[in-house]
Amino acid sequence: MQRYLGAVAVATVALTGPTAASEFERNVFAGAVVGAGIGALIGSATGPGAAVGAAIGGAAGGAIVFLIRPDGCFIQNRRGELWQVPCRGRTVRGVSACFIGNELSGLHQVSCPARL
């Protein structure tokens, strides 16, 4: 009975934990899970073992999804602070500049009314 409750607790955390995470964190988690599954299949078929393949595949899948980031929308207020904002929605007043981009490609300035 204790093993059953432990398995239920682990399954509950695995299934409900990502709901509190952001969309990007959920995508990284999904990439790691898919990578671990593919790595386990390849590892068990080629020889190093399913556990080794799952560990390598999970790390590789999570890293790949982490590097593929969608562009975000940012504004710079009058004090020079950079804030990430939703790309769709209402117009934000009192901004001095608007940017689109991510950590890898960098930020590119765009006109604010066109973005918002």
PDB file of N, CA and C in Angstrom:
ATOM      1  N   MET A   1       0.823  -1.189   0.000  1.00  0.00           N
ATOM      2  CA  MET A   1       0.000   0.000   0.000  1.00  0.00           C
ATOM      3  C   MET A   1       0.869   1.255   0.000  1.00  0.00           C
ATOM      4  N   GLN A   2       1.990   1.210   0.727  1.00  0.00           N
ATOM      5  CA  GLN A   2       2.860   2.382   0.770  1.00  0.00           C
ATOM      6  C   GLN A   2       3.514   2.631  -0.585  1.00  0.00           C
ATOM      7  N   ARG A   3       3.857   1.565  -1.296  1.00  0.00           N
ATOM      8  CA  ARG A   3       4.427   1.727  -2.633  1.00  0.00           C
ATOM      9  C   ARG A   3       3.400   2.359  -3.576  1.00  0.00           C
ATOM     10  N   TYR A   4       2.172   1.925  -3.435  1.00  0.00           N
ATOM     11  CA  TYR A   4       1.109   2.477  -4.279  1.00  0.00           C
ATOM     12  C   TYR A   4       0.945   3.969  -4.012  1.00  0.00           C
ATOM     13  N   LEU A   5       0.915   4.366  -2.741  1.00  0.00           N
ATOM     14  CA  LEU A   5       0.775   5.781  -2.401  1.00  0.00           C
ATOM     15  C   LEU A   5       1.985   6.588  -2.878  1.00  0.00           C
ATOM     16  N   GLY A   6       3.168   5.997  -2.796  1.00  0.00           N
ATOM     17  CA  GLY A   6       4.358   6.684  -3.306  1.00  0.00           C
ATOM     18  C   GLY A   6       4.288   6.894  -4.806  1.00  0.00           C
ATOM     19  N   ALA A   7       3.829   5.871  -5.520  1.00  0.00           N
ATOM     20  CA  ALA A   7       3.685   5.994  -6.972  1.00  0.00           C
ATOM     21  C   ALA A   7       2.625   7.019  -7.331  1.00  0.00           C
ATOM     22  N   VAL A   8       1.549   7.066  -6.582  1.00  0.00           N
ATOM     23  CA  VAL A   8       0.493   8.053  -6.820  1.00  0.00           C
ATOM     24  C   VAL A   8       1.028   9.456  -6.550  1.00  0.00           C
ATOM     25  N   ALA A   9       1.823   9.621  -5.507  1.00  0.00           N
ATOM     26  CA  ALA A   9       2.381  10.934  -5.200  1.00  0.00           C
ATOM     27  C   ALA A   9       3.330  11.404  -6.295  1.00  0.00           C
ATOM     28  N   VAL A  10       4.177  10.512  -6.783  1.00  0.00           N
ATOM     29  CA  VAL A  10       5.104  10.875  -7.865  1.00  0.00           C
ATOM     30  C   VAL A  10       4.337  11.213  -9.140  1.00  0.00           C
ATOM     31  N   ALA A  11       3.317  10.427  -9.452  1.00  0.00           N
ATOM     32  CA  ALA A  11       2.515  10.699 -10.642  1.00  0.00           C
ATOM     33  C   ALA A  11       1.767  12.020 -10.516  1.00  0.00           C
ATOM     34  N   THR A  12       1.271  12.322  -9.330  1.00  0.00           N
ATOM     35  CA  THR A  12       0.567  13.577  -9.114  1.00  0.00           C
ATOM     36  C   THR A  12       1.485  14.770  -9.319  1.00  0.00           C
ATOM     37  N   VAL A  13       2.698  14.718  -8.782  1.00  0.00           N
ATOM     38  CA  VAL A  13       3.657  15.809  -8.958  1.00  0.00           C
ATOM     39  C   VAL A  13       4.054  15.940 -10.421  1.00  0.00           C
ATOM     40  N   ALA A  14       4.270  14.826 -11.099  1.00  0.00           N
ATOM     41  CA  ALA A  14       4.681  14.873 -12.502  1.00  0.00           C
ATOM     42  C   ALA A  14       3.585  15.429 -13.398  1.00  0.00           C
ATOM     43  N   LEU A  15       2.330  15.153 -13.074  1.00  0.00           N
ATOM     44  CA  LEU A  15       1.238  15.609 -13.924  1.00  0.00           C
ATOM     45  C   LEU A  15       0.739  17.003 -13.584  1.00  0.00           C
ATOM     46  N   THR A  16       0.801  17.407 -12.326  1.00  0.00           N
ATOM     47  CA  THR A  16       0.282  18.720 -11.948  1.00  0.00           C
ATOM     48  C   THR A  16       1.368  19.775 -11.796  1.00  0.00           C
ATOM     49  N   GLY A  17       2.619  19.375 -11.653  1.00  0.00           N
ATOM     50  CA  GLY A  17       3.693  20.350 -11.514  1.00  0.00           C
ATOM     51  C   GLY A  17       3.816  21.285 -12.694  1.00  0.00           C
ATOM     52  N   PRO A  18       3.756  20.782 -13.935  1.00  0.00           N
ATOM     53  CA  PRO A  18       3.885  21.676 -15.082  1.00  0.00           C
ATOM     54  C   PRO A  18       2.759  22.688 -15.225  1.00  0.00           C
ATOM     55  N   THR A  19       1.611  22.487 -14.597  1.00  0.00           N
ATOM     56  CA  THR A  19       0.526  23.451 -14.732  1.00  0.00           C
ATOM     57  C   THR A  19       0.859  24.767 -14.064  1.00  0.00           C
ATOM     58  N   ALA A  20       1.717  24.751 -13.061  1.00  0.00           N
ATOM     59  CA  ALA A  20       2.111  25.982 -12.394  1.00  0.00           C
ATOM     60  C   ALA A  20       3.277  26.665 -13.100  1.00  0.00           C
ATOM     61  N   ALA A  21       3.872  25.991 -14.063  1.00  0.00           N
ATOM     62  CA  ALA A  21       5.025  26.539 -14.776  1.00  0.00           C
ATOM     63  C   ALA A  21       4.558  27.380 -15.963  1.00  0.00           C
ATOM     64  N   SER A  22       5.477  28.172 -16.481  1.00  0.00           N
ATOM     65  CA  SER A  22       5.167  28.962 -17.667  1.00  0.00           C
ATOM     66  C   SER A  22       5.135  28.055 -18.896  1.00  0.00           C
ATOM     67  N   GLU A  23       4.658  28.596 -20.009  1.00  0.00           N
ATOM     68  CA  GLU A  23       4.578  27.800 -21.229  1.00  0.00           C
ATOM     69  C   GLU A  23       5.966  27.362 -21.687  1.00  0.00           C
ATOM     70  N   PHE A  24       6.955  28.244 -21.553  1.00  0.00           N
ATOM     71  CA  PHE A  24       8.312  27.899 -21.964  1.00  0.00           C
ATOM     72  C   PHE A  24       8.867  26.758 -21.110  1.00  0.00           C
ATOM     73  N   GLU A  25       8.639  26.800 -19.796  1.00  0.00           N
ATOM     74  CA  GLU A  25       9.111  25.733 -18.909  1.00  0.00           C
ATOM     75  C   GLU A  25       8.414  24.414 -19.214  1.00  0.00           C
ATOM     76  N   ARG A  26       7.132  24.463 -19.554  1.00  0.00           N
ATOM     77  CA  ARG A  26       6.421  23.241 -19.945  1.00  0.00           C
ATOM     78  C   ARG A  26       6.993  22.663 -21.234  1.00  0.00           C
ATOM     79  N   ASN A  27       7.368  23.539 -22.176  1.00  0.00           N
ATOM     80  CA  ASN A  27       7.962  23.045 -23.422  1.00  0.00           C
ATOM     81  C   ASN A  27       9.310  22.389 -23.166  1.00  0.00           C
ATOM     82  N   VAL A  28      10.128  22.956 -22.273  1.00  0.00           N
ATOM     83  CA  VAL A  28      11.418  22.346 -21.944  1.00  0.00           C
ATOM     84  C   VAL A  28      11.204  20.992 -21.282  1.00  0.00           C
ATOM     85  N   PHE A  29      10.227  20.903 -20.384  1.00  0.00           N
ATOM     86  CA  PHE A  29       9.913  19.638 -19.715  1.00  0.00           C
ATOM     87  C   PHE A  29       9.450  18.590 -20.733  1.00  0.00           C
ATOM     88  N   ALA A  30       8.596  18.996 -21.658  1.00  0.00           N
ATOM     89  CA  ALA A  30       8.119  18.069 -22.676  1.00  0.00           C
ATOM     90  C   ALA A  30       9.272  17.623 -23.578  1.00  0.00           C
ATOM     91  N   GLY A  31      10.172  18.534 -23.920  1.00  0.00           N
ATOM     92  CA  GLY A  31      11.333  18.164 -24.727  1.00  0.00           C
ATOM     93  C   GLY A  31      12.228  17.171 -24.017  1.00  0.00           C
ATOM     94  N   ALA A  32      12.405  17.372 -22.715  1.00  0.00           N
ATOM     95  CA  ALA A  32      13.222  16.433 -21.942  1.00  0.00           C
ATOM     96  C   ALA A  32      12.556  15.064 -21.865  1.00  0.00           C
ATOM     97  N   VAL A  33      11.238  15.023 -21.716  1.00  0.00           N
ATOM     98  CA  VAL A  33      10.525  13.743 -21.643  1.00  0.00           C
ATOM     99  C   VAL A  33      10.598  13.008 -22.981  1.00  0.00           C
ATOM    100  N   VAL A  34      10.377  13.730 -24.069  1.00  0.00           N
ATOM    101  CA  VAL A  34      10.447  13.094 -25.389  1.00  0.00           C
ATOM    102  C   VAL A  34      11.871  12.622 -25.671  1.00  0.00           C
ATOM    103  N   GLY A  35      12.858  13.462 -25.336  1.00  0.00           N
ATOM    104  CA  GLY A  35      14.252  13.065 -25.529  1.00  0.00           C
ATOM    105  C   GLY A  35      14.623  11.854 -24.701  1.00  0.00           C
ATOM    106  N   ALA A  36      14.114  11.780 -23.477  1.00  0.00           N
ATOM    107  CA  ALA A  36      14.392  10.622 -22.629  1.00  0.00           C
ATOM    108  C   ALA A  36      13.766   9.358 -23.200  1.00  0.00           C
ATOM    109  N   GLY A  37      12.562   9.469 -23.731  1.00  0.00           N
ATOM    110  CA  GLY A  37      11.921   8.303 -24.335  1.00  0.00           C
ATOM    111  C   GLY A  37      12.666   7.806 -25.561  1.00  0.00           C
ATOM    112  N   ILE A  38      13.056   8.728 -26.425  1.00  0.00           N
ATOM    113  CA  ILE A  38      13.799   8.331 -27.623  1.00  0.00           C
ATOM    114  C   ILE A  38      15.173   7.795 -27.236  1.00  0.00           C
ATOM    115  N   GLY A  39      15.824   8.444 -26.261  1.00  0.00           N
ATOM    116  CA  GLY A  39      17.125   7.965 -25.807  1.00  0.00           C
ATOM    117  C   GLY A  39      17.053   6.589 -25.187  1.00  0.00           C
ATOM    118  N   ALA A  40      15.980   6.306 -24.453  1.00  0.00           N
ATOM    119  CA  ALA A  40      15.819   4.978 -23.856  1.00  0.00           C
ATOM    120  C   ALA A  40      15.636   3.914 -24.930  1.00  0.00           C
ATOM    121  N   LEU A  41      14.879   4.241 -25.964  1.00  0.00           N
ATOM    122  CA  LEU A  41      14.707   3.283 -27.056  1.00  0.00           C
ATOM    123  C   LEU A  41      16.021   3.015 -27.778  1.00  0.00           C
ATOM    124  N   ILE A  42      16.749   4.069 -28.080  1.00  0.00           N
ATOM    125  CA  ILE A  42      18.025   3.895 -28.775  1.00  0.00           C
ATOM    126  C   ILE A  42      19.041   3.204 -27.876  1.00  0.00           C
ATOM    127  N   GLY A  43      19.095   3.595 -26.600  1.00  0.00           N
ATOM    128  CA  GLY A  43      20.051   2.989 -25.674  1.00  0.00           C
ATOM    129  C   GLY A  43      19.809   1.520 -25.450  1.00  0.00           C
ATOM    130  N   SER A  44      18.555   1.120 -25.377  1.00  0.00           N
ATOM    131  CA  SER A  44      18.277  -0.304 -25.177  1.00  0.00           C
ATOM    132  C   SER A  44      18.537  -1.112 -26.443  1.00  0.00           C
ATOM    133  N   ALA A  45      18.430  -0.485 -27.596  1.00  0.00           N
ATOM    134  CA  ALA A  45      18.642  -1.210 -28.848  1.00  0.00           C
ATOM    135  C   ALA A  45      20.123  -1.325 -29.212  1.00  0.00           C
ATOM    136  N   THR A  46      20.929  -0.335 -28.801  1.00  0.00           N
ATOM    137  CA  THR A  46      22.334  -0.331 -29.232  1.00  0.00           C
ATOM    138  C   THR A  46      23.303  -0.864 -28.202  1.00  0.00           C
ATOM    139  N   GLY A  47      22.916  -0.961 -26.954  1.00  0.00           N
ATOM    140  CA  GLY A  47      23.819  -1.582 -26.009  1.00  0.00           C
ATOM    141  C   GLY A  47      24.105  -0.867 -24.709  1.00  0.00           C
ATOM    142  N   PRO A  48      24.208   0.472 -24.651  1.00  0.00           N
ATOM    143  CA  PRO A  48      24.582   1.087 -23.382  1.00  0.00           C
ATOM    144  C   PRO A  48      23.510   0.964 -22.297  1.00  0.00           C
ATOM    145  N   GLY A  49      22.319   0.678 -22.651  1.00  0.00           N
ATOM    146  CA  GLY A  49      21.251   0.492 -21.672  1.00  0.00           C
ATOM    147  C   GLY A  49      20.225   1.598 -21.753  1.00  0.00           C
ATOM    148  N   ALA A  50      19.015   1.276 -21.331  1.00  0.00           N
ATOM    149  CA  ALA A  50      17.916   2.225 -21.420  1.00  0.00           C
ATOM    150  C   ALA A  50      18.112   3.409 -20.485  1.00  0.00           C
ATOM    151  N   ALA A  51      18.656   3.181 -19.287  1.00  0.00           N
ATOM    152  CA  ALA A  51      18.834   4.275 -18.330  1.00  0.00           C
ATOM    153  C   ALA A  51      19.843   5.298 -18.834  1.00  0.00           C
ATOM    154  N   VAL A  52      20.942   4.822 -19.381  1.00  0.00           N
ATOM    155  CA  VAL A  52      21.962   5.734 -19.918  1.00  0.00           C
ATOM    156  C   VAL A  52      21.400   6.497 -21.109  1.00  0.00           C
ATOM    157  N   GLY A  53      20.708   5.800 -21.991  1.00  0.00           N
ATOM    158  CA  GLY A  53      20.102   6.448 -23.149  1.00  0.00           C
ATOM    159  C   GLY A  53      19.062   7.471 -22.745  1.00  0.00           C
ATOM    160  N   ALA A  54      18.257   7.150 -21.719  1.00  0.00           N
ATOM    161  CA  ALA A  54      17.243   8.092 -21.255  1.00  0.00           C
ATOM    162  C   ALA A  54      17.884   9.337 -20.656  1.00  0.00           C
ATOM    163  N   ALA A  55      18.956   9.169 -19.902  1.00  0.00           N
ATOM    164  CA  ALA A  55      19.623  10.325 -19.299  1.00  0.00           C
ATOM    165  C   ALA A  55      20.220  11.234 -20.365  1.00  0.00           C
ATOM    166  N   ILE A  56      20.897  10.636 -21.336  1.00  0.00           N
ATOM    167  CA  ILE A  56      21.511  11.437 -22.398  1.00  0.00           C
ATOM    168  C   ILE A  56      20.427  12.068 -23.281  1.00  0.00           C
ATOM    169  N   GLY A  57      19.418  11.313 -23.639  1.00  0.00           N
ATOM    170  CA  GLY A  57      18.336  11.840 -24.470  1.00  0.00           C
ATOM    171  C   GLY A  57      17.539  12.932 -23.782  1.00  0.00           C
ATOM    172  N   GLY A  58      17.271  12.765 -22.486  1.00  0.00           N
ATOM    173  CA  GLY A  58      16.536  13.790 -21.748  1.00  0.00           C
ATOM    174  C   GLY A  58      17.308  15.093 -21.658  1.00  0.00           C
ATOM    175  N   ALA A  59      18.606  14.991 -21.396  1.00  0.00           N
ATOM    176  CA  ALA A  59      19.428  16.208 -21.326  1.00  0.00           C
ATOM    177  C   ALA A  59      19.501  16.885 -22.686  1.00  0.00           C
ATOM    178  N   ALA A  60      19.692  16.090 -23.731  1.00  0.00           N
ATOM    179  CA  ALA A  60      19.785  16.666 -25.075  1.00  0.00           C
ATOM    180  C   ALA A  60      18.455  17.273 -25.515  1.00  0.00           C
ATOM    181  N   GLY A  61      17.354  16.581 -25.260  1.00  0.00           N
ATOM    182  CA  GLY A  61      16.039  17.107 -25.640  1.00  0.00           C
ATOM    183  C   GLY A  61      15.691  18.382 -24.910  1.00  0.00           C
ATOM    184  N   GLY A  62      15.965  18.438 -23.612  1.00  0.00           N
ATOM    185  CA  GLY A  62      15.710  19.654 -22.851  1.00  0.00           C
ATOM    186  C   GLY A  62      16.572  20.811 -23.311  1.00  0.00           C
ATOM    187  N   ALA A  63      17.847  20.528 -23.624  1.00  0.00           N
ATOM    188  CA  ALA A  63      18.746  21.591 -24.075  1.00  0.00           C
ATOM    189  C   ALA A  63      18.328  22.132 -25.434  1.00  0.00           C
ATOM    190  N   ILE A  64      17.914  21.261 -26.327  1.00  0.00           N
ATOM    191  CA  ILE A  64      17.492  21.716 -27.653  1.00  0.00           C
ATOM    192  C   ILE A  64      16.257  22.600 -27.553  1.00  0.00           C
ATOM    193  N   VAL A  65      15.276  22.180 -26.783  1.00  0.00           N
ATOM    194  CA  VAL A  65      14.062  22.984 -26.635  1.00  0.00           C
ATOM    195  C   VAL A  65      14.378  24.289 -25.906  1.00  0.00           C
ATOM    196  N   PHE A  66      15.326  24.263 -24.964  1.00  0.00           N
ATOM    197  CA  PHE A  66      15.702  25.476 -24.257  1.00  0.00           C
ATOM    198  C   PHE A  66      16.305  26.503 -25.217  1.00  0.00           C
ATOM    199  N   LEU A  67      17.058  26.035 -26.200  1.00  0.00           N
ATOM    200  CA  LEU A  67      17.709  26.949 -27.135  1.00  0.00           C
ATOM    201  C   LEU A  67      16.756  27.487 -28.204  1.00  0.00           C
ATOM    202  N   ILE A  68      15.684  26.769 -28.485  1.00  0.00           N
ATOM    203  CA  ILE A  68      14.718  27.230 -29.488  1.00  0.00           C
ATOM    204  C   ILE A  68      13.666  28.054 -28.748  1.00  0.00           C
ATOM    205  N   ARG A  69      13.890  29.332 -28.695  1.00  0.00           N
ATOM    206  CA  ARG A  69      12.971  30.219 -27.976  1.00  0.00           C
ATOM    207  C   ARG A  69      12.183  31.079 -28.952  1.00  0.00           C
ATOM    208  N   PRO A  70      10.919  31.262 -28.688  1.00  0.00           N
ATOM    209  CA  PRO A  70      10.154  32.168 -29.546  1.00  0.00           C
ATOM    210  C   PRO A  70      10.513  33.615 -29.234  1.00  0.00           C
ATOM    211  N   ASP A  71      10.255  34.480 -30.196  1.00  0.00           N
ATOM    212  CA  ASP A  71      10.504  35.898 -29.962  1.00  0.00           C
ATOM    213  C   ASP A  71       9.499  36.431 -28.946  1.00  0.00           C
ATOM    214  N   GLY A  72       9.964  37.298 -28.082  1.00  0.00           N
ATOM    215  CA  GLY A  72       9.113  37.955 -27.107  1.00  0.00           C
ATOM    216  C   GLY A  72       8.991  39.427 -27.441  1.00  0.00           C
ATOM    217  N   CYS A  73       8.063  40.083 -26.814  1.00  0.00           N
ATOM    218  CA  CYS A  73       7.850  41.512 -27.017  1.00  0.00           C
ATOM    219  C   CYS A  73       8.247  42.243 -25.742  1.00  0.00           C
ATOM    220  N   PHE A  74       8.965  43.337 -25.907  1.00  0.00           N
ATOM    221  CA  PHE A  74       9.491  44.092 -24.777  1.00  0.00           C
ATOM    222  C   PHE A  74       9.216  45.575 -24.990  1.00  0.00           C
ATOM    223  N   ILE A  75       9.103  46.307 -23.876  1.00  0.00           N
ATOM    224  CA  ILE A  75       8.994  47.760 -23.944  1.00  0.00           C
ATOM    225  C   ILE A  75      10.051  48.364 -23.034  1.00  0.00           C
ATOM    226  N   GLN A  76      10.422  49.586 -23.345  1.00  0.00           N
ATOM    227  CA  GLN A  76      11.334  50.333 -22.484  1.00  0.00           C
ATOM    228  C   GLN A  76      10.579  51.558 -22.006  1.00  0.00           C
ATOM    229  N   ASN A  77      10.483  51.703 -20.684  1.00  0.00           N
ATOM    230  CA  ASN A  77       9.747  52.839 -20.157  1.00  0.00           C
ATOM    231  C   ASN A  77      10.651  54.079 -20.090  1.00  0.00           C
ATOM    232  N   ARG A  78      10.115  55.160 -19.588  1.00  0.00           N
ATOM    233  CA  ARG A  78      10.859  56.429 -19.564  1.00  0.00           C
ATOM    234  C   ARG A  78      12.055  56.385 -18.623  1.00  0.00           C
ATOM    235  N   ARG A  79      12.053  55.474 -17.660  1.00  0.00           N
ATOM    236  CA  ARG A  79      13.203  55.351 -16.749  1.00  0.00           C
ATOM    237  C   ARG A  79      14.284  54.450 -17.311  1.00  0.00           C
ATOM    238  N   GLY A  80      14.071  53.897 -18.501  1.00  0.00           N
ATOM    239  CA  GLY A  80      15.065  53.049 -19.133  1.00  0.00           C
ATOM    240  C   GLY A  80      14.961  51.575 -18.771  1.00  0.00           C
ATOM    241  N   GLU A  81      13.920  51.178 -18.049  1.00  0.00           N
ATOM    242  CA  GLU A  81      13.737  49.777 -17.660  1.00  0.00           C
ATOM    243  C   GLU A  81      13.132  49.006 -18.818  1.00  0.00           C
ATOM    244  N   LEU A  82      13.596  47.771 -18.999  1.00  0.00           N
ATOM    245  CA  LEU A  82      13.104  46.906 -20.068  1.00  0.00           C
ATOM    246  C   LEU A  82      12.132  45.906 -19.461  1.00  0.00           C
ATOM    247  N   TRP A  83      10.905  45.837 -19.992  1.00  0.00           N
ATOM    248  CA  TRP A  83       9.862  44.961 -19.477  1.00  0.00           C
ATOM    249  C   TRP A  83       9.343  44.082 -20.600  1.00  0.00           C
ATOM    250  N   GLN A  84       9.129  42.787 -20.312  1.00  0.00           N
ATOM    251  CA  GLN A  84       8.504  41.902 -21.283  1.00  0.00           C
ATOM    252  C   GLN A  84       6.997  42.032 -21.145  1.00  0.00           C
ATOM    253  N   VAL A  85       6.321  42.162 -22.270  1.00  0.00           N
ATOM    254  CA  VAL A  85       4.872  42.346 -22.299  1.00  0.00           C
ATOM    255  C   VAL A  85       4.266  41.334 -23.255  1.00  0.00           C
ATOM    256  N   PRO A  86       2.964  41.076 -23.159  1.00  0.00           N
ATOM    257  CA  PRO A  86       2.319  40.184 -24.130  1.00  0.00           C
ATOM    258  C   PRO A  86       2.396  40.793 -25.529  1.00  0.00           C
ATOM    259  N   CYS A  87       2.566  39.971 -26.538  1.00  0.00           N
ATOM    260  CA  CYS A  87       2.683  40.480 -27.907  1.00  0.00           C
ATOM    261  C   CYS A  87       1.347  40.920 -28.476  1.00  0.00           C
ATOM    262  N   ARG A  88       0.261  40.459 -27.926  1.00  0.00           N
ATOM    263  CA  ARG A  88      -1.064  40.880 -28.380  1.00  0.00           C
ATOM    264  C   ARG A  88      -1.788  41.490 -27.197  1.00  0.00           C
ATOM    265  N   GLY A  89      -2.621  42.432 -27.491  1.00  0.00           N
ATOM    266  CA  GLY A  89      -3.390  43.016 -26.401  1.00  0.00           C
ATOM    267  C   GLY A  89      -3.482  44.525 -26.520  1.00  0.00           C
ATOM    268  N   ARG A  90      -3.693  45.144 -25.394  1.00  0.00           N
ATOM    269  CA  ARG A  90      -3.904  46.580 -25.357  1.00  0.00           C
ATOM    270  C   ARG A  90      -2.610  47.348 -25.596  1.00  0.00           C
ATOM    271  N   THR A  91      -2.756  48.578 -26.025  1.00  0.00           N
ATOM    272  CA  THR A  91      -1.620  49.466 -26.221  1.00  0.00           C
ATOM    273  C   THR A  91      -1.141  49.959 -24.862  1.00  0.00           C
ATOM    274  N   VAL A  92       0.154  49.922 -24.656  1.00  0.00           N
ATOM    275  CA  VAL A  92       0.741  50.395 -23.407  1.00  0.00           C
ATOM    276  C   VAL A  92       1.174  51.837 -23.604  1.00  0.00           C
ATOM    277  N   ARG A  93       0.750  52.712 -22.721  1.00  0.00           N
ATOM    278  CA  ARG A  93       1.097  54.131 -22.848  1.00  0.00           C
ATOM    279  C   ARG A  93       2.324  54.432 -21.987  1.00  0.00           C
ATOM    280  N   GLY A  94       3.034  55.461 -22.375  1.00  0.00           N
ATOM    281  CA  GLY A  94       4.180  55.897 -21.588  1.00  0.00           C
ATOM    282  C   GLY A  94       5.452  55.112 -21.845  1.00  0.00           C
ATOM    283  N   VAL A  95       5.573  54.531 -23.024  1.00  0.00           N
ATOM    284  CA  VAL A  95       6.789  53.794 -23.346  1.00  0.00           C
ATOM    285  C   VAL A  95       7.625  54.625 -24.313  1.00  0.00           C
ATOM    286  N   SER A  96       8.933  54.452 -24.226  1.00  0.00           N
ATOM    287  CA  SER A  96       9.817  55.204 -25.111  1.00  0.00           C
ATOM    288  C   SER A  96      10.312  54.374 -26.277  1.00  0.00           C
ATOM    289  N   ALA A  97      10.262  53.040 -26.181  1.00  0.00           N
ATOM    290  CA  ALA A  97      10.713  52.181 -27.266  1.00  0.00           C
ATOM    291  C   ALA A  97      10.088  50.802 -27.126  1.00  0.00           C
ATOM    292  N   CYS A  98       9.939  50.104 -28.252  1.00  0.00           N
ATOM    293  CA  CYS A  98       9.417  48.740 -28.269  1.00  0.00           C
ATOM    294  C   CYS A  98      10.401  47.850 -29.012  1.00  0.00           C
ATOM    295  N   PHE A  99      10.545  46.611 -28.539  1.00  0.00           N
ATOM    296  CA  PHE A  99      11.507  45.674 -29.105  1.00  0.00           C
ATOM    297  C   PHE A  99      10.855  44.315 -29.289  1.00  0.00           C
ATOM    298  N   ILE A 100      11.377  43.550 -30.248  1.00  0.00           N
ATOM    299  CA  ILE A 100      10.978  42.156 -30.451  1.00  0.00           C
ATOM    300  C   ILE A 100      12.258  41.346 -30.559  1.00  0.00           C
ATOM    301  N   GLY A 101      12.292  40.166 -29.944  1.00  0.00           N
ATOM    302  CA  GLY A 101      13.459  39.296 -30.057  1.00  0.00           C
ATOM    303  C   GLY A 101      13.556  38.344 -28.897  1.00  0.00           C
ATOM    304  N   ASN A 102      14.721  37.696 -28.774  1.00  0.00           N
ATOM    305  CA  ASN A 102      14.976  36.783 -27.677  1.00  0.00           C
ATOM    306  C   ASN A 102      16.450  36.858 -27.301  1.00  0.00           C
ATOM    307  N   GLU A 103      16.878  35.980 -26.374  1.00  0.00           N
ATOM    308  CA  GLU A 103      18.241  36.030 -25.871  1.00  0.00           C
ATOM    309  C   GLU A 103      19.261  35.645 -26.927  1.00  0.00           C
ATOM    310  N   LEU A 104      18.887  34.784 -27.860  1.00  0.00           N
ATOM    311  CA  LEU A 104      19.841  34.323 -28.866  1.00  0.00           C
ATOM    312  C   LEU A 104      19.982  35.289 -30.032  1.00  0.00           C
ATOM    313  N   SER A 105      18.865  35.761 -30.559  1.00  0.00           N
ATOM    314  CA  SER A 105      18.921  36.642 -31.730  1.00  0.00           C
ATOM    315  C   SER A 105      19.096  38.103 -31.359  1.00  0.00           C
ATOM    316  N   GLY A 106      18.872  38.447 -30.107  1.00  0.00           N
ATOM    317  CA  GLY A 106      18.972  39.840 -29.683  1.00  0.00           C
ATOM    318  C   GLY A 106      17.640  40.558 -29.860  1.00  0.00           C
ATOM    319  N   LEU A 107      17.584  41.787 -29.391  1.00  0.00           N
ATOM    320  CA  LEU A 107      16.365  42.584 -29.470  1.00  0.00           C
ATOM    321  C   LEU A 107      16.470  43.551 -30.645  1.00  0.00           C
ATOM    322  N   HIS A 108      15.377  43.670 -31.390  1.00  0.00           N
ATOM    323  CA  HIS A 108      15.319  44.567 -32.533  1.00  0.00           C
ATOM    324  C   HIS A 108      14.211  45.573 -32.275  1.00  0.00           C
ATOM    325  N   GLN A 109      14.522  46.860 -32.416  1.00  0.00           N
ATOM    326  CA  GLN A 109      13.548  47.892 -32.142  1.00  0.00           C
ATOM    327  C   GLN A 109      12.526  47.966 -33.259  1.00  0.00           C
ATOM    328  N   VAL A 110      11.257  48.101 -32.871  1.00  0.00           N
ATOM    329  CA  VAL A 110      10.160  48.237 -33.805  1.00  0.00           C
ATOM    330  C   VAL A 110       9.319  49.427 -33.368  1.00  0.00           C
ATOM    331  N   SER A 111       8.466  49.902 -34.260  1.00  0.00           N
ATOM    332  CA  SER A 111       7.577  51.003 -33.873  1.00  0.00           C
ATOM    333  C   SER A 111       6.494  50.458 -32.961  1.00  0.00           C
ATOM    334  N   CYS A 112       6.181  51.189 -31.929  1.00  0.00           N
ATOM    335  CA  CYS A 112       5.251  50.689 -30.908  1.00  0.00           C
ATOM    336  C   CYS A 112       3.823  50.475 -31.403  1.00  0.00           C
ATOM    337  N   PRO A 113       3.228  51.373 -32.164  1.00  0.00           N
ATOM    338  CA  PRO A 113       1.851  51.107 -32.595  1.00  0.00           C
ATOM    339  C   PRO A 113       1.725  49.873 -33.489  1.00  0.00           C
ATOM    340  N   ALA A 114       2.755  49.567 -34.271  1.00  0.00           N
ATOM    341  CA  ALA A 114       2.688  48.392 -35.140  1.00  0.00           C
ATOM    342  C   ALA A 114       2.709  47.117 -34.330  1.00  0.00           C
ATOM    343  N   ARG A 115       3.439  47.091 -33.204  1.00  0.00           N
ATOM    344  CA  ARG A 115       3.546  45.895 -32.397  1.00  0.00           C
ATOM    345  C   ARG A 115       2.328  45.720 -31.516  1.00  0.00           C
ATOM    346  N   LEU A 116       1.838  46.788 -30.943  1.00  0.00           N
ATOM    347  CA  LEU A 116       0.736  46.663 -30.002  1.00  0.00           C
ATOM    348  C   LEU A 116      -0.561  46.852 -30.754  1.00  0.00           C
TER     349      LEU A 116
END
